[in-house]
Amino acid sequence: VQLVESGGGLVRAGGSLRLSCTFSGGIFSVHTMGWYRQVPGKEREWVTHITDSGDTDYSDSVKGRFTISRDNAKNTVWLQMNDLKSEDTAVYYCAGRAKLGLDPQLYWGQGTQVPVSS
């Protein structure tokens, strides 16, 4: 499985950005897909995920501002980020894991930087 993120870049506080993650090398539709982020010197933190059946969950820090979505026909998952804050500055990583009973490996993308200027 390979995951490739795109869409990162400098954005002003209060602005919006949409990240994309393209999946290949496996069956996208059976994977739960998620977004994580990491700031230098800190642990990688979970942001959101969307299951193979479309259920979503968000960390409290982004709830109401970020939206995850997927299109199984395009093998793509997106992260729409609105009302960005300086504390959202991080490298954002796409991740995917097949549903229970299948490949247990957690796959990662290479990350895309999102600097938010105040």
N, C-alpha and C. Protein backbone atom coordinates (compact mmCIF):
# COMPACT_ATOMS: atom_id res chain seq x y z
N VAL A 1 0.86 -1.20 0.00
CA VAL A 1 0.00 0.00 0.00
C VAL A 1 0.88 1.24 0.00
N GLN A 2 0.52 2.19 -0.83
CA GLN A 2 1.22 3.48 -0.85
C GLN A 2 0.20 4.60 -0.68
N LEU A 3 0.59 5.57 0.14
CA LEU A 3 -0.26 6.73 0.40
C LEU A 3 0.53 7.98 0.05
N VAL A 4 -0.09 8.87 -0.71
CA VAL A 4 0.58 10.10 -1.12
C VAL A 4 -0.31 11.28 -0.81
N GLU A 5 0.18 12.14 0.09
CA GLU A 5 -0.57 13.34 0.46
C GLU A 5 -0.22 14.49 -0.48
N SER A 6 -1.15 15.41 -0.60
CA SER A 6 -0.91 16.65 -1.32
C SER A 6 -1.84 17.71 -0.78
N GLY A 7 -1.56 18.96 -1.13
CA GLY A 7 -2.44 20.05 -0.75
C GLY A 7 -1.95 20.91 0.39
N GLY A 8 -0.83 20.55 0.98
CA GLY A 8 -0.32 21.37 2.07
C GLY A 8 0.25 22.68 1.55
N GLY A 9 0.51 23.58 2.49
CA GLY A 9 1.07 24.86 2.12
C GLY A 9 0.73 25.91 3.14
N LEU A 10 1.36 27.07 2.97
CA LEU A 10 1.17 28.17 3.92
C LEU A 10 -0.24 28.75 3.80
N VAL A 11 -0.87 28.96 4.93
CA VAL A 11 -2.21 29.52 4.97
C VAL A 11 -2.30 30.47 6.16
N ARG A 12 -3.11 31.49 6.03
CA ARG A 12 -3.29 32.43 7.12
C ARG A 12 -4.32 31.91 8.12
N ALA A 13 -4.17 32.33 9.34
CA ALA A 13 -5.15 31.98 10.36
C ALA A 13 -6.53 32.43 9.92
N GLY A 14 -7.50 31.55 10.13
CA GLY A 14 -8.85 31.81 9.69
C GLY A 14 -9.15 31.29 8.30
N GLY A 15 -8.11 30.90 7.59
CA GLY A 15 -8.27 30.40 6.23
C GLY A 15 -8.61 28.93 6.18
N SER A 16 -8.67 28.42 4.96
CA SER A 16 -9.03 27.03 4.73
C SER A 16 -8.02 26.36 3.82
N LEU A 17 -7.96 25.05 3.93
CA LEU A 17 -7.07 24.25 3.11
C LEU A 17 -7.67 22.87 2.99
N ARG A 18 -7.48 22.23 1.85
CA ARG A 18 -7.94 20.85 1.69
C ARG A 18 -6.76 19.96 1.34
N LEU A 19 -6.55 18.98 2.17
CA LEU A 19 -5.51 17.98 1.92
C LEU A 19 -6.12 16.78 1.22
N SER A 20 -5.33 16.17 0.35
CA SER A 20 -5.75 14.95 -0.34
C SER A 20 -4.76 13.84 -0.04
N CYS A 21 -5.25 12.62 -0.06
CA CYS A 21 -4.40 11.45 0.11
C CYS A 21 -4.86 10.41 -0.90
N THR A 22 -3.95 10.04 -1.78
CA THR A 22 -4.26 9.05 -2.80
C THR A 22 -3.69 7.71 -2.40
N PHE A 23 -4.50 6.69 -2.51
CA PHE A 23 -4.19 5.33 -2.05
C PHE A 23 -3.94 4.44 -3.26
N SER A 24 -2.91 3.59 -3.17
CA SER A 24 -2.68 2.61 -4.22
C SER A 24 -2.04 1.36 -3.65
N GLY A 25 -2.14 0.28 -4.39
CA GLY A 25 -1.48 -0.95 -3.98
C GLY A 25 -2.32 -1.85 -3.11
N GLY A 26 -3.58 -1.55 -2.97
CA GLY A 26 -4.45 -2.39 -2.14
C GLY A 26 -5.90 -2.09 -2.46
N ILE A 27 -6.78 -2.60 -1.61
CA ILE A 27 -8.21 -2.38 -1.80
C ILE A 27 -8.64 -1.25 -0.87
N PHE A 28 -8.79 -0.08 -1.44
CA PHE A 28 -9.06 1.13 -0.65
C PHE A 28 -10.33 0.99 0.18
N SER A 29 -11.34 0.39 -0.41
CA SER A 29 -12.66 0.39 0.22
C SER A 29 -12.71 -0.39 1.53
N VAL A 30 -11.73 -1.25 1.81
CA VAL A 30 -11.75 -2.01 3.06
C VAL A 30 -10.87 -1.37 4.13
N HIS A 31 -10.33 -0.20 3.85
CA HIS A 31 -9.43 0.47 4.78
C HIS A 31 -10.12 1.59 5.52
N THR A 32 -9.88 1.65 6.83
CA THR A 32 -10.15 2.86 7.58
C THR A 32 -9.01 3.82 7.29
N MET A 33 -9.36 5.05 6.97
CA MET A 33 -8.36 6.06 6.62
C MET A 33 -8.37 7.16 7.66
N GLY A 34 -7.20 7.67 7.97
CA GLY A 34 -7.13 8.70 8.99
C GLY A 34 -6.09 9.75 8.67
N TRP A 35 -6.17 10.82 9.42
CA TRP A 35 -5.18 11.88 9.35
C TRP A 35 -4.59 12.08 10.75
N TYR A 36 -3.28 12.23 10.76
CA TYR A 36 -2.54 12.53 11.97
C TYR A 36 -1.71 13.78 11.70
N ARG A 37 -1.21 14.37 12.77
CA ARG A 37 -0.32 15.51 12.58
C ARG A 37 0.78 15.48 13.64
N GLN A 38 1.87 16.12 13.29
CA GLN A 38 3.02 16.12 14.19
C GLN A 38 3.76 17.44 14.11
N VAL A 39 4.07 17.93 15.30
CA VAL A 39 4.87 19.14 15.45
C VAL A 39 6.26 18.71 15.91
N PRO A 40 7.32 19.34 15.42
CA PRO A 40 8.66 18.94 15.86
C PRO A 40 8.79 18.91 17.37
N GLY A 41 9.36 17.83 17.87
CA GLY A 41 9.55 17.69 19.30
C GLY A 41 8.36 17.12 20.05
N LYS A 42 7.27 16.87 19.33
CA LYS A 42 6.08 16.31 19.96
C LYS A 42 5.69 15.01 19.27
N GLU A 43 4.88 14.23 19.98
CA GLU A 43 4.42 12.98 19.41
C GLU A 43 3.37 13.23 18.31
N ARG A 44 3.32 12.29 17.39
CA ARG A 44 2.30 12.37 16.36
C ARG A 44 0.93 12.18 17.01
N GLU A 45 -0.02 13.02 16.65
CA GLU A 45 -1.35 12.93 17.26
C GLU A 45 -2.41 12.64 16.21
N TRP A 46 -3.37 11.85 16.63
CA TRP A 46 -4.52 11.53 15.78
C TRP A 46 -5.40 12.75 15.63
N VAL A 47 -5.89 12.97 14.41
CA VAL A 47 -6.77 14.10 14.12
C VAL A 47 -8.18 13.63 13.82
N THR A 48 -8.28 12.66 12.92
CA THR A 48 -9.60 12.20 12.49
C THR A 48 -9.45 10.89 11.72
N HIS A 49 -10.56 10.15 11.61
CA HIS A 49 -10.56 8.99 10.74
C HIS A 49 -11.94 8.76 10.16
N ILE A 50 -11.97 7.99 9.10
CA ILE A 50 -13.22 7.59 8.46
C ILE A 50 -13.12 6.10 8.18
N THR A 51 -14.11 5.35 8.63
CA THR A 51 -14.06 3.90 8.48
C THR A 51 -14.44 3.48 7.07
N ASP A 52 -14.30 2.20 6.80
CA ASP A 52 -14.68 1.67 5.49
C ASP A 52 -16.17 1.85 5.24
N SER A 53 -16.96 1.94 6.30
CA SER A 53 -18.40 2.13 6.15
C SER A 53 -18.80 3.61 6.20
N GLY A 54 -17.81 4.50 6.36
CA GLY A 54 -18.10 5.93 6.30
C GLY A 54 -18.30 6.63 7.63
N ASP A 55 -18.17 5.91 8.73
CA ASP A 55 -18.28 6.55 10.04
C ASP A 55 -17.04 7.39 10.30
N THR A 56 -17.26 8.54 10.92
CA THR A 56 -16.15 9.46 11.17
C THR A 56 -16.03 9.80 12.66
N ASP A 57 -14.86 10.24 13.03
CA ASP A 57 -14.60 10.71 14.39
C ASP A 57 -13.50 11.75 14.32
N TYR A 58 -13.51 12.68 15.26
CA TYR A 58 -12.58 13.79 15.25
C TYR A 58 -12.02 14.03 16.64
N SER A 59 -10.81 14.53 16.69
CA SER A 59 -10.27 14.97 17.97
C SER A 59 -11.00 16.25 18.38
N ASP A 60 -11.05 16.49 19.66
CA ASP A 60 -11.77 17.67 20.16
C ASP A 60 -11.19 18.96 19.59
N SER A 61 -9.89 18.96 19.33
CA SER A 61 -9.23 20.18 18.89
C SER A 61 -9.64 20.61 17.48
N VAL A 62 -10.18 19.69 16.69
CA VAL A 62 -10.54 20.04 15.31
C VAL A 62 -12.04 19.88 15.03
N LYS A 63 -12.76 19.32 15.99
CA LYS A 63 -14.19 19.06 15.78
C LYS A 63 -14.92 20.35 15.43
N GLY A 64 -15.71 20.29 14.38
CA GLY A 64 -16.45 21.46 13.95
C GLY A 64 -15.70 22.33 12.94
N ARG A 65 -14.41 22.08 12.78
CA ARG A 65 -13.62 22.86 11.83
C ARG A 65 -13.08 22.00 10.69
N PHE A 66 -12.76 20.77 10.97
CA PHE A 66 -12.20 19.86 9.96
C PHE A 66 -13.25 18.83 9.56
N THR A 67 -13.18 18.41 8.31
CA THR A 67 -14.09 17.38 7.80
C THR A 67 -13.30 16.38 6.96
N ILE A 68 -13.45 15.11 7.30
CA ILE A 68 -12.82 14.06 6.52
C ILE A 68 -13.86 13.44 5.60
N SER A 69 -13.45 13.09 4.40
CA SER A 69 -14.35 12.44 3.45
C SER A 69 -13.53 11.50 2.56
N ARG A 70 -14.24 10.61 1.90
CA ARG A 70 -13.56 9.66 1.03
C ARG A 70 -14.40 9.37 -0.20
N ASP A 71 -13.73 8.97 -1.26
CA ASP A 71 -14.40 8.52 -2.47
C ASP A 71 -13.73 7.22 -2.87
N ASN A 72 -14.43 6.12 -2.66
CA ASN A 72 -13.84 4.81 -2.94
C ASN A 72 -13.58 4.60 -4.44
N ALA A 73 -14.33 5.28 -5.28
CA ALA A 73 -14.11 5.16 -6.72
C ALA A 73 -12.81 5.84 -7.15
N LYS A 74 -12.38 6.83 -6.36
CA LYS A 74 -11.16 7.58 -6.69
C LYS A 74 -9.98 7.18 -5.81
N ASN A 75 -10.21 6.23 -4.89
CA ASN A 75 -9.14 5.81 -3.98
C ASN A 75 -8.51 7.01 -3.26
N THR A 76 -9.34 7.92 -2.83
CA THR A 76 -8.86 9.16 -2.25
C THR A 76 -9.62 9.51 -0.98
N VAL A 77 -8.89 10.06 -0.04
CA VAL A 77 -9.49 10.61 1.17
C VAL A 77 -9.03 12.07 1.27
N TRP A 78 -9.93 12.91 1.75
CA TRP A 78 -9.63 14.34 1.86
C TRP A 78 -9.78 14.80 3.31
N LEU A 79 -9.09 15.87 3.62
CA LEU A 79 -9.27 16.54 4.89
C LEU A 79 -9.50 18.02 4.59
N GLN A 80 -10.74 18.44 4.77
CA GLN A 80 -11.08 19.85 4.61
C GLN A 80 -10.87 20.54 5.94
N MET A 81 -10.01 21.55 5.94
CA MET A 81 -9.67 22.24 7.17
C MET A 81 -10.12 23.69 7.05
N ASN A 82 -11.03 24.09 7.91
CA ASN A 82 -11.56 25.45 7.91
C ASN A 82 -11.19 26.15 9.21
N ASP A 83 -11.26 27.47 9.17
CA ASP A 83 -10.97 28.27 10.36
C ASP A 83 -9.66 27.84 11.01
N LEU A 84 -8.63 27.77 10.21
CA LEU A 84 -7.35 27.28 10.70
C LEU A 84 -6.77 28.22 11.74
N LYS A 85 -6.10 27.62 12.70
CA LYS A 85 -5.47 28.35 13.79
C LYS A 85 -3.97 28.09 13.77
N SER A 86 -3.21 28.95 14.42
CA SER A 86 -1.76 28.78 14.43
C SER A 86 -1.39 27.43 15.06
N GLU A 87 -2.20 26.98 16.00
CA GLU A 87 -1.90 25.70 16.65
C GLU A 87 -2.17 24.49 15.76
N ASP A 88 -2.75 24.73 14.59
CA ASP A 88 -2.92 23.64 13.61
C ASP A 88 -1.66 23.43 12.78
N THR A 89 -0.69 24.30 12.94
CA THR A 89 0.57 24.16 12.22
C THR A 89 1.22 22.84 12.56
N ALA A 90 1.51 22.05 11.52
CA ALA A 90 2.08 20.72 11.73
C ALA A 90 2.36 20.08 10.38
N VAL A 91 3.03 18.95 10.43
CA VAL A 91 3.09 18.07 9.27
C VAL A 91 1.92 17.11 9.39
N TYR A 92 1.13 17.02 8.34
CA TYR A 92 -0.05 16.17 8.35
C TYR A 92 0.23 14.89 7.58
N TYR A 93 -0.13 13.78 8.21
CA TYR A 93 0.11 12.47 7.64
C TYR A 93 -1.19 11.73 7.40
N CYS A 94 -1.29 11.12 6.27
CA CYS A 94 -2.39 10.23 5.96
C CYS A 94 -2.01 8.82 6.42
N ALA A 95 -2.98 8.08 6.92
CA ALA A 95 -2.72 6.72 7.37
C ALA A 95 -3.88 5.82 6.99
N GLY A 96 -3.59 4.54 6.82
CA GLY A 96 -4.64 3.61 6.47
C GLY A 96 -4.40 2.23 7.03
N ARG A 97 -5.48 1.59 7.45
CA ARG A 97 -5.40 0.23 7.97
C ARG A 97 -6.63 -0.52 7.52
N ALA A 98 -6.42 -1.73 7.04
CA ALA A 98 -7.54 -2.55 6.60
C ALA A 98 -8.41 -2.96 7.79
N LYS A 99 -9.66 -3.25 7.51
CA LYS A 99 -10.57 -3.61 8.59
C LYS A 99 -10.18 -4.94 9.21
N LEU A 100 -10.71 -5.20 10.39
CA LEU A 100 -10.34 -6.36 11.20
C LEU A 100 -10.45 -7.65 10.41
N GLY A 101 -9.43 -8.47 10.55
CA GLY A 101 -9.39 -9.75 9.87
C GLY A 101 -8.56 -9.73 8.61
N LEU A 102 -8.19 -8.52 8.18
CA LEU A 102 -7.35 -8.39 6.99
C LEU A 102 -5.96 -7.92 7.42
N ASP A 103 -5.20 -7.40 6.52
CA ASP A 103 -3.83 -6.94 6.79
C ASP A 103 -3.82 -5.98 7.98
N PRO A 104 -3.12 -6.31 9.08
CA PRO A 104 -3.14 -5.44 10.26
C PRO A 104 -2.17 -4.26 10.18
N GLN A 105 -1.39 -4.18 9.13
CA GLN A 105 -0.37 -3.15 9.01
C GLN A 105 -1.01 -1.76 8.91
N LEU A 106 -0.44 -0.80 9.65
CA LEU A 106 -0.83 0.60 9.53
C LEU A 106 0.12 1.27 8.56
N TYR A 107 -0.41 1.77 7.47
CA TYR A 107 0.40 2.40 6.45
C TYR A 107 0.37 3.92 6.59
N TRP A 108 1.50 4.55 6.25
CA TRP A 108 1.64 6.00 6.37
C TRP A 108 2.05 6.62 5.05
N GLY A 109 1.59 7.85 4.86
CA GLY A 109 2.11 8.66 3.78
C GLY A 109 3.37 9.38 4.23
N GLN A 110 3.92 10.18 3.33
CA GLN A 110 5.18 10.85 3.63
C GLN A 110 4.98 12.16 4.38
N GLY A 111 3.75 12.64 4.43
CA GLY A 111 3.44 13.86 5.16
C GLY A 111 3.44 15.08 4.26
N THR A 112 2.64 16.05 4.64
CA THR A 112 2.60 17.33 3.94
C THR A 112 2.52 18.44 4.98
N GLN A 113 3.31 19.48 4.76
CA GLN A 113 3.41 20.54 5.75
C GLN A 113 2.27 21.55 5.63
N VAL A 114 1.78 21.94 6.79
CA VAL A 114 0.73 22.97 6.85
C VAL A 114 1.16 24.01 7.88
N PRO A 115 1.81 25.06 7.42
CA PRO A 115 2.12 26.16 8.33
C PRO A 115 0.98 27.18 8.31
N VAL A 116 0.52 27.56 9.48
CA VAL A 116 -0.56 28.54 9.60
C VAL A 116 0.02 29.80 10.22
N SER A 117 -0.04 30.88 9.48
CA SER A 117 0.52 32.14 9.97
C SER A 117 -0.55 32.92 10.72
N SER A 118 -0.15 33.55 11.80
CA SER A 118 -1.10 34.32 12.62
C SER A 118 -1.11 35.78 12.21
